[in-house]
Amino acid sequence: MHFTTKIAVLLREDLLTWQRLNVTAFLVSGIAALNPDLVGEPYVDADDTTYLPMFGQPVLVFEGGKEVLTSAHGKAVARGMALSVFTSDLFATGNDADNRAAVRAVGRDQLDLVGIAVHGPKNAVDKVLKGARMHP
């Protein structure tokens, strides 16, 4: 199947495995919340057990250094693309209100980003992610 858009997550390369998984889960929830049309129908197994729907297209995960993340964030903001962010401060919070307060307390150019997620036209997402590499 050919998709005209791309869902991508960019993670800072120095994260621990549990952090990579946690950050990815949080970031893609923002993409799903803003774009419910990207979510498919519920899944049902042969025994008629119903499961939650998921994205109807792949989520590509990339990694890069702090500079790559900062650059990608700046490009996405400059292009007016909706994106989700996860900063290092969020590892010390325990709820949504504290997460939002931690991001709100820091200027855009001073955010200590550990991950971002973006969805948009394939070519725009590719330009935002220039310099990043696919996560192994």
N, C-alpha and C. Protein backbone atom coordinates (compact mmCIF):
# COMPACT_ATOMS: atom_id res chain seq x y z
N MET A 1 0.84 -1.17 0.00
CA MET A 1 0.00 0.00 0.00
C MET A 1 0.89 1.24 0.00
N HIS A 2 0.49 2.27 -0.73
CA HIS A 2 1.25 3.51 -0.85
C HIS A 2 0.62 4.58 0.04
N PHE A 3 1.40 5.17 0.92
CA PHE A 3 0.92 6.22 1.80
C PHE A 3 1.51 7.55 1.34
N THR A 4 0.70 8.59 1.34
CA THR A 4 1.17 9.92 0.96
C THR A 4 1.72 10.69 2.15
N THR A 5 1.45 10.17 3.35
CA THR A 5 1.96 10.81 4.56
C THR A 5 2.90 9.86 5.29
N LYS A 6 3.59 10.41 6.27
CA LYS A 6 4.52 9.61 7.06
C LYS A 6 4.34 9.97 8.53
N ILE A 7 4.35 8.95 9.37
CA ILE A 7 4.39 9.12 10.83
C ILE A 7 5.81 8.76 11.24
N ALA A 8 6.49 9.69 11.91
CA ALA A 8 7.87 9.42 12.29
C ALA A 8 8.14 9.88 13.72
N VAL A 9 8.94 9.10 14.40
CA VAL A 9 9.43 9.42 15.74
C VAL A 9 10.93 9.56 15.63
N LEU A 10 11.48 10.60 16.24
CA LEU A 10 12.92 10.80 16.29
C LEU A 10 13.34 10.80 17.75
N LEU A 11 14.22 9.87 18.10
CA LEU A 11 14.70 9.71 19.48
C LEU A 11 16.15 10.11 19.59
N ARG A 12 16.51 10.67 20.74
CA ARG A 12 17.91 10.97 20.99
C ARG A 12 18.65 9.66 21.20
N GLU A 13 19.79 9.54 20.56
CA GLU A 13 20.52 8.28 20.51
C GLU A 13 21.05 7.78 21.84
N ASP A 14 21.12 8.62 22.86
CA ASP A 14 21.71 8.20 24.13
C ASP A 14 20.70 7.72 25.16
N LEU A 15 19.46 7.49 24.75
CA LEU A 15 18.43 7.02 25.69
C LEU A 15 18.60 5.55 26.01
N LEU A 16 18.25 5.18 27.23
CA LEU A 16 18.21 3.78 27.62
C LEU A 16 17.03 3.10 26.92
N THR A 17 17.05 1.79 26.83
CA THR A 17 16.00 1.07 26.12
C THR A 17 14.62 1.38 26.68
N TRP A 18 14.46 1.35 28.00
CA TRP A 18 13.14 1.62 28.58
C TRP A 18 12.70 3.04 28.26
N GLN A 19 13.64 3.98 28.19
CA GLN A 19 13.30 5.36 27.86
C GLN A 19 12.84 5.47 26.41
N ARG A 20 13.51 4.77 25.51
CA ARG A 20 13.13 4.80 24.09
C ARG A 20 11.69 4.32 23.92
N LEU A 21 11.36 3.23 24.58
CA LEU A 21 10.02 2.67 24.47
C LEU A 21 8.98 3.61 25.07
N ASN A 22 9.26 4.13 26.25
CA ASN A 22 8.35 5.03 26.93
C ASN A 22 8.12 6.30 26.13
N VAL A 23 9.19 6.91 25.65
CA VAL A 23 9.10 8.15 24.88
C VAL A 23 8.31 7.91 23.59
N THR A 24 8.58 6.82 22.89
CA THR A 24 7.87 6.52 21.65
C THR A 24 6.38 6.39 21.90
N ALA A 25 6.01 5.67 22.95
CA ALA A 25 4.59 5.49 23.25
C ALA A 25 3.90 6.83 23.52
N PHE A 26 4.53 7.67 24.33
CA PHE A 26 3.95 8.97 24.62
C PHE A 26 3.84 9.83 23.36
N LEU A 27 4.89 9.86 22.56
CA LEU A 27 4.90 10.73 21.38
C LEU A 27 3.84 10.34 20.36
N VAL A 28 3.69 9.07 20.07
CA VAL A 28 2.71 8.68 19.06
C VAL A 28 1.28 8.86 19.55
N SER A 29 1.07 8.90 20.85
CA SER A 29 -0.28 9.16 21.34
C SER A 29 -0.74 10.55 20.92
N GLY A 30 0.19 11.49 20.84
CA GLY A 30 -0.15 12.83 20.37
C GLY A 30 -0.55 12.84 18.91
N ILE A 31 0.15 12.05 18.09
CA ILE A 31 -0.18 11.97 16.67
C ILE A 31 -1.59 11.38 16.51
N ALA A 32 -1.89 10.33 17.26
CA ALA A 32 -3.21 9.70 17.18
C ALA A 32 -4.30 10.65 17.65
N ALA A 33 -4.03 11.41 18.71
CA ALA A 33 -5.04 12.32 19.24
C ALA A 33 -5.38 13.43 18.24
N LEU A 34 -4.39 13.93 17.54
CA LEU A 34 -4.61 15.01 16.59
C LEU A 34 -5.15 14.52 15.25
N ASN A 35 -4.88 13.26 14.94
CA ASN A 35 -5.26 12.70 13.63
C ASN A 35 -6.03 11.40 13.77
N PRO A 36 -7.25 11.45 14.31
CA PRO A 36 -8.00 10.20 14.50
C PRO A 36 -8.26 9.45 13.20
N ASP A 37 -8.18 10.15 12.06
CA ASP A 37 -8.38 9.48 10.77
C ASP A 37 -7.23 8.53 10.43
N LEU A 38 -6.11 8.64 11.14
CA LEU A 38 -4.99 7.73 10.92
C LEU A 38 -5.19 6.39 11.61
N VAL A 39 -6.17 6.33 12.50
CA VAL A 39 -6.42 5.12 13.28
C VAL A 39 -7.44 4.26 12.54
N GLY A 40 -7.11 2.98 12.39
CA GLY A 40 -7.98 2.06 11.68
C GLY A 40 -9.13 1.54 12.53
N GLU A 41 -9.69 0.47 12.08
CA GLU A 41 -10.81 -0.18 12.77
C GLU A 41 -10.28 -1.10 13.86
N PRO A 42 -11.12 -1.44 14.84
CA PRO A 42 -10.71 -2.40 15.86
C PRO A 42 -10.33 -3.75 15.24
N TYR A 43 -9.47 -4.46 15.90
CA TYR A 43 -9.06 -5.81 15.48
C TYR A 43 -9.96 -6.82 16.17
N VAL A 44 -10.21 -7.94 15.49
CA VAL A 44 -11.01 -9.02 16.06
C VAL A 44 -10.35 -10.33 15.67
N ASP A 45 -10.14 -11.20 16.67
CA ASP A 45 -9.53 -12.50 16.36
C ASP A 45 -10.60 -13.52 15.98
N ALA A 46 -10.17 -14.73 15.67
CA ALA A 46 -11.09 -15.77 15.21
C ALA A 46 -12.09 -16.19 16.28
N ASP A 47 -11.82 -15.86 17.55
CA ASP A 47 -12.75 -16.19 18.63
C ASP A 47 -13.66 -15.01 18.98
N ASP A 48 -13.64 -13.97 18.13
CA ASP A 48 -14.45 -12.76 18.31
C ASP A 48 -14.04 -11.92 19.52
N THR A 49 -12.80 -12.04 19.95
CA THR A 49 -12.27 -11.14 20.96
C THR A 49 -11.86 -9.86 20.25
N THR A 50 -12.35 -8.73 20.74
CA THR A 50 -12.07 -7.45 20.11
C THR A 50 -10.88 -6.76 20.78
N TYR A 51 -10.04 -6.14 19.94
CA TYR A 51 -8.85 -5.42 20.39
C TYR A 51 -8.90 -3.99 19.89
N LEU A 52 -8.18 -3.12 20.54
CA LEU A 52 -8.18 -1.71 20.17
C LEU A 52 -7.65 -1.49 18.76
N PRO A 53 -8.13 -0.45 18.09
CA PRO A 53 -7.59 -0.12 16.78
C PRO A 53 -6.19 0.48 16.92
N MET A 54 -5.45 0.46 15.84
CA MET A 54 -4.10 1.03 15.81
C MET A 54 -3.96 1.88 14.55
N PHE A 55 -2.81 2.52 14.41
CA PHE A 55 -2.56 3.27 13.20
C PHE A 55 -2.74 2.38 11.98
N GLY A 56 -3.23 2.95 10.92
CA GLY A 56 -3.41 2.22 9.67
C GLY A 56 -2.21 2.31 8.75
N GLN A 57 -1.14 2.93 9.21
CA GLN A 57 0.10 3.02 8.43
C GLN A 57 1.28 2.86 9.37
N PRO A 58 2.44 2.52 8.84
CA PRO A 58 3.61 2.29 9.69
C PRO A 58 4.04 3.54 10.45
N VAL A 59 4.65 3.33 11.59
CA VAL A 59 5.31 4.38 12.35
C VAL A 59 6.80 4.10 12.22
N LEU A 60 7.53 5.03 11.64
CA LEU A 60 8.97 4.86 11.44
C LEU A 60 9.71 5.52 12.59
N VAL A 61 10.69 4.83 13.14
CA VAL A 61 11.44 5.34 14.29
C VAL A 61 12.88 5.60 13.86
N PHE A 62 13.34 6.82 14.15
CA PHE A 62 14.67 7.28 13.81
C PHE A 62 15.42 7.66 15.08
N GLU A 63 16.73 7.83 14.95
CA GLU A 63 17.51 8.31 16.07
C GLU A 63 18.58 9.26 15.57
N GLY A 64 19.07 10.05 16.50
CA GLY A 64 20.12 11.00 16.17
C GLY A 64 20.61 11.68 17.43
N GLY A 65 21.66 12.44 17.28
CA GLY A 65 22.20 13.18 18.40
C GLY A 65 21.34 14.37 18.77
N LYS A 66 21.73 15.03 19.83
CA LYS A 66 20.98 16.19 20.32
C LYS A 66 20.85 17.25 19.24
N GLU A 67 21.90 17.45 18.45
CA GLU A 67 21.87 18.47 17.40
C GLU A 67 20.85 18.12 16.32
N VAL A 68 20.76 16.84 15.98
CA VAL A 68 19.79 16.40 14.96
C VAL A 68 18.37 16.64 15.47
N LEU A 69 18.14 16.33 16.73
CA LEU A 69 16.82 16.54 17.33
C LEU A 69 16.46 18.02 17.36
N THR A 70 17.40 18.85 17.76
CA THR A 70 17.16 20.30 17.80
C THR A 70 16.87 20.84 16.41
N SER A 71 17.63 20.39 15.43
CA SER A 71 17.43 20.82 14.05
C SER A 71 16.06 20.38 13.53
N ALA A 72 15.70 19.13 13.76
CA ALA A 72 14.41 18.61 13.30
C ALA A 72 13.26 19.38 13.95
N HIS A 73 13.37 19.64 15.22
CA HIS A 73 12.35 20.40 15.94
C HIS A 73 12.19 21.78 15.31
N GLY A 74 13.29 22.47 15.07
CA GLY A 74 13.25 23.80 14.47
C GLY A 74 12.63 23.78 13.08
N LYS A 75 12.98 22.78 12.28
CA LYS A 75 12.41 22.67 10.92
C LYS A 75 10.91 22.42 10.98
N ALA A 76 10.49 21.55 11.87
CA ALA A 76 9.05 21.24 11.98
C ALA A 76 8.27 22.47 12.43
N VAL A 77 8.80 23.19 13.41
CA VAL A 77 8.14 24.42 13.88
C VAL A 77 8.08 25.45 12.76
N ALA A 78 9.19 25.64 12.05
CA ALA A 78 9.25 26.62 10.96
C ALA A 78 8.26 26.28 9.84
N ARG A 79 8.01 25.00 9.62
CA ARG A 79 7.08 24.57 8.58
C ARG A 79 5.63 24.57 9.07
N GLY A 80 5.43 24.87 10.35
CA GLY A 80 4.08 24.88 10.90
C GLY A 80 3.50 23.50 11.07
N MET A 81 4.36 22.49 11.18
CA MET A 81 3.89 21.11 11.34
C MET A 81 3.55 20.85 12.80
N ALA A 82 2.46 20.14 13.01
CA ALA A 82 2.11 19.72 14.36
C ALA A 82 3.08 18.64 14.79
N LEU A 83 3.59 18.74 16.01
CA LEU A 83 4.50 17.71 16.50
C LEU A 83 4.31 17.53 17.99
N SER A 84 4.70 16.38 18.47
CA SER A 84 4.71 16.13 19.91
C SER A 84 6.16 16.13 20.36
N VAL A 85 6.37 16.55 21.60
CA VAL A 85 7.73 16.62 22.15
C VAL A 85 7.79 15.88 23.47
N PHE A 86 8.97 15.37 23.74
CA PHE A 86 9.25 14.75 25.04
C PHE A 86 10.60 15.30 25.45
N THR A 87 10.66 15.93 26.62
CA THR A 87 11.91 16.50 27.12
C THR A 87 12.46 15.65 28.27
N SER A 88 13.72 15.86 28.56
CA SER A 88 14.35 15.08 29.64
C SER A 88 13.66 15.32 30.97
N ASP A 89 13.07 16.50 31.16
CA ASP A 89 12.37 16.82 32.41
C ASP A 89 11.19 15.89 32.67
N LEU A 90 10.62 15.33 31.62
CA LEU A 90 9.42 14.50 31.78
C LEU A 90 9.72 13.15 32.43
N PHE A 91 10.99 12.77 32.46
CA PHE A 91 11.33 11.52 33.15
C PHE A 91 11.16 11.66 34.66
N ALA A 92 11.11 12.88 35.15
CA ALA A 92 11.01 13.11 36.60
C ALA A 92 9.59 13.43 37.05
N THR A 93 8.64 13.49 36.12
CA THR A 93 7.26 13.79 36.48
C THR A 93 6.44 12.51 36.47
N GLY A 94 5.25 12.59 37.01
CA GLY A 94 4.45 11.37 37.09
C GLY A 94 3.04 11.49 36.57
N ASN A 95 2.72 12.64 35.97
CA ASN A 95 1.36 12.81 35.47
C ASN A 95 1.32 13.87 34.38
N ASP A 96 0.21 13.92 33.67
CA ASP A 96 0.07 14.81 32.52
C ASP A 96 0.18 16.29 32.90
N ALA A 97 -0.42 16.68 34.00
CA ALA A 97 -0.37 18.09 34.41
C ALA A 97 1.07 18.52 34.67
N ASP A 98 1.83 17.69 35.37
CA ASP A 98 3.24 18.02 35.65
C ASP A 98 4.06 17.99 34.37
N ASN A 99 3.74 17.08 33.45
CA ASN A 99 4.44 17.03 32.16
C ASN A 99 4.24 18.34 31.40
N ARG A 100 3.00 18.78 31.30
CA ARG A 100 2.72 20.02 30.58
C ARG A 100 3.36 21.22 31.25
N ALA A 101 3.37 21.24 32.59
CA ALA A 101 4.01 22.34 33.33
C ALA A 101 5.52 22.36 33.08
N ALA A 102 6.14 21.19 33.00
CA ALA A 102 7.58 21.11 32.76
C ALA A 102 7.94 21.66 31.38
N VAL A 103 7.13 21.36 30.39
CA VAL A 103 7.39 21.89 29.04
C VAL A 103 7.11 23.39 29.02
N ARG A 104 6.04 23.81 29.65
CA ARG A 104 5.64 25.22 29.68
C ARG A 104 6.69 26.11 30.33
N ALA A 105 7.48 25.56 31.25
CA ALA A 105 8.46 26.34 32.01
C ALA A 105 9.72 26.68 31.20
N VAL A 106 9.87 26.12 30.01
CA VAL A 106 11.11 26.26 29.24
C VAL A 106 10.79 26.84 27.86
N GLY A 107 11.62 27.79 27.42
CA GLY A 107 11.45 28.35 26.09
C GLY A 107 11.72 27.32 25.01
N ARG A 108 11.09 27.49 23.85
CA ARG A 108 11.20 26.54 22.74
C ARG A 108 12.64 26.19 22.40
N ASP A 109 13.51 27.17 22.34
CA ASP A 109 14.90 26.92 21.95
C ASP A 109 15.76 26.33 23.06
N GLN A 110 15.22 26.27 24.27
CA GLN A 110 15.96 25.70 25.40
C GLN A 110 15.45 24.33 25.84
N LEU A 111 14.44 23.81 25.16
CA LEU A 111 13.92 22.49 25.52
C LEU A 111 15.01 21.44 25.38
N ASP A 112 15.18 20.61 26.39
CA ASP A 112 16.15 19.50 26.33
C ASP A 112 15.41 18.30 25.75
N LEU A 113 15.29 18.29 24.43
CA LEU A 113 14.50 17.28 23.73
C LEU A 113 15.17 15.91 23.77
N VAL A 114 14.37 14.89 24.05
CA VAL A 114 14.84 13.51 23.93
C VAL A 114 14.05 12.78 22.86
N GLY A 115 12.96 13.39 22.38
CA GLY A 115 12.18 12.79 21.31
C GLY A 115 11.14 13.74 20.77
N ILE A 116 10.85 13.57 19.49
CA ILE A 116 9.74 14.28 18.85
C ILE A 116 9.02 13.30 17.94
N ALA A 117 7.77 13.58 17.65
CA ALA A 117 7.02 12.81 16.66
C ALA A 117 6.33 13.80 15.75
N VAL A 118 6.28 13.45 14.48
CA VAL A 118 5.68 14.33 13.48
C VAL A 118 4.93 13.48 12.46
N HIS A 119 3.87 14.06 11.94
CA HIS A 119 3.10 13.43 10.86
C HIS A 119 2.85 14.49 9.81
N GLY A 120 3.01 14.11 8.57
CA GLY A 120 2.74 15.04 7.48
C GLY A 120 3.07 14.42 6.15
N PRO A 121 3.04 15.25 5.09
CA PRO A 121 3.42 14.74 3.77
C PRO A 121 4.82 14.12 3.83
N LYS A 122 4.99 13.03 3.11
CA LYS A 122 6.27 12.30 3.17
C LYS A 122 7.48 13.20 2.94
N ASN A 123 7.42 14.03 1.90
CA ASN A 123 8.60 14.85 1.59
C ASN A 123 8.89 15.87 2.69
N ALA A 124 7.86 16.41 3.32
CA ALA A 124 8.06 17.37 4.41
C ALA A 124 8.68 16.68 5.62
N VAL A 125 8.18 15.50 5.96
CA VAL A 125 8.75 14.75 7.09
C VAL A 125 10.19 14.37 6.80
N ASP A 126 10.48 13.95 5.57
CA ASP A 126 11.85 13.61 5.19
C ASP A 126 12.79 14.80 5.37
N LYS A 127 12.34 15.99 5.00
CA LYS A 127 13.18 17.19 5.15
C LYS A 127 13.40 17.52 6.61
N VAL A 128 12.38 17.36 7.43
CA VAL A 128 12.51 17.61 8.86
C VAL A 128 13.53 16.65 9.48
N LEU A 129 13.53 15.39 9.03
CA LEU A 129 14.38 14.36 9.63
C LEU A 129 15.77 14.24 9.00
N LYS A 130 16.12 15.17 8.11
CA LYS A 130 17.43 15.10 7.44
C LYS A 130 18.54 15.03 8.49
N GLY A 131 19.41 14.06 8.32
CA GLY A 131 20.50 13.85 9.28
C GLY A 131 20.23 12.76 10.29
N ALA A 132 18.96 12.35 10.42
CA ALA A 132 18.61 11.26 11.34
C ALA A 132 18.80 9.93 10.61
N ARG A 133 18.95 8.89 11.39
CA ARG A 133 19.07 7.54 10.81
C ARG A 133 17.99 6.64 11.40
N MET A 134 17.63 5.63 10.62
CA MET A 134 16.63 4.67 11.11
C MET A 134 17.13 4.02 12.39
N HIS A 135 16.21 3.86 13.33
CA HIS A 135 16.55 3.19 14.59
C HIS A 135 16.87 1.73 14.28
N PRO A 136 17.96 1.22 14.86
CA PRO A 136 18.32 -0.18 14.57
C PRO A 136 17.32 -1.17 15.16
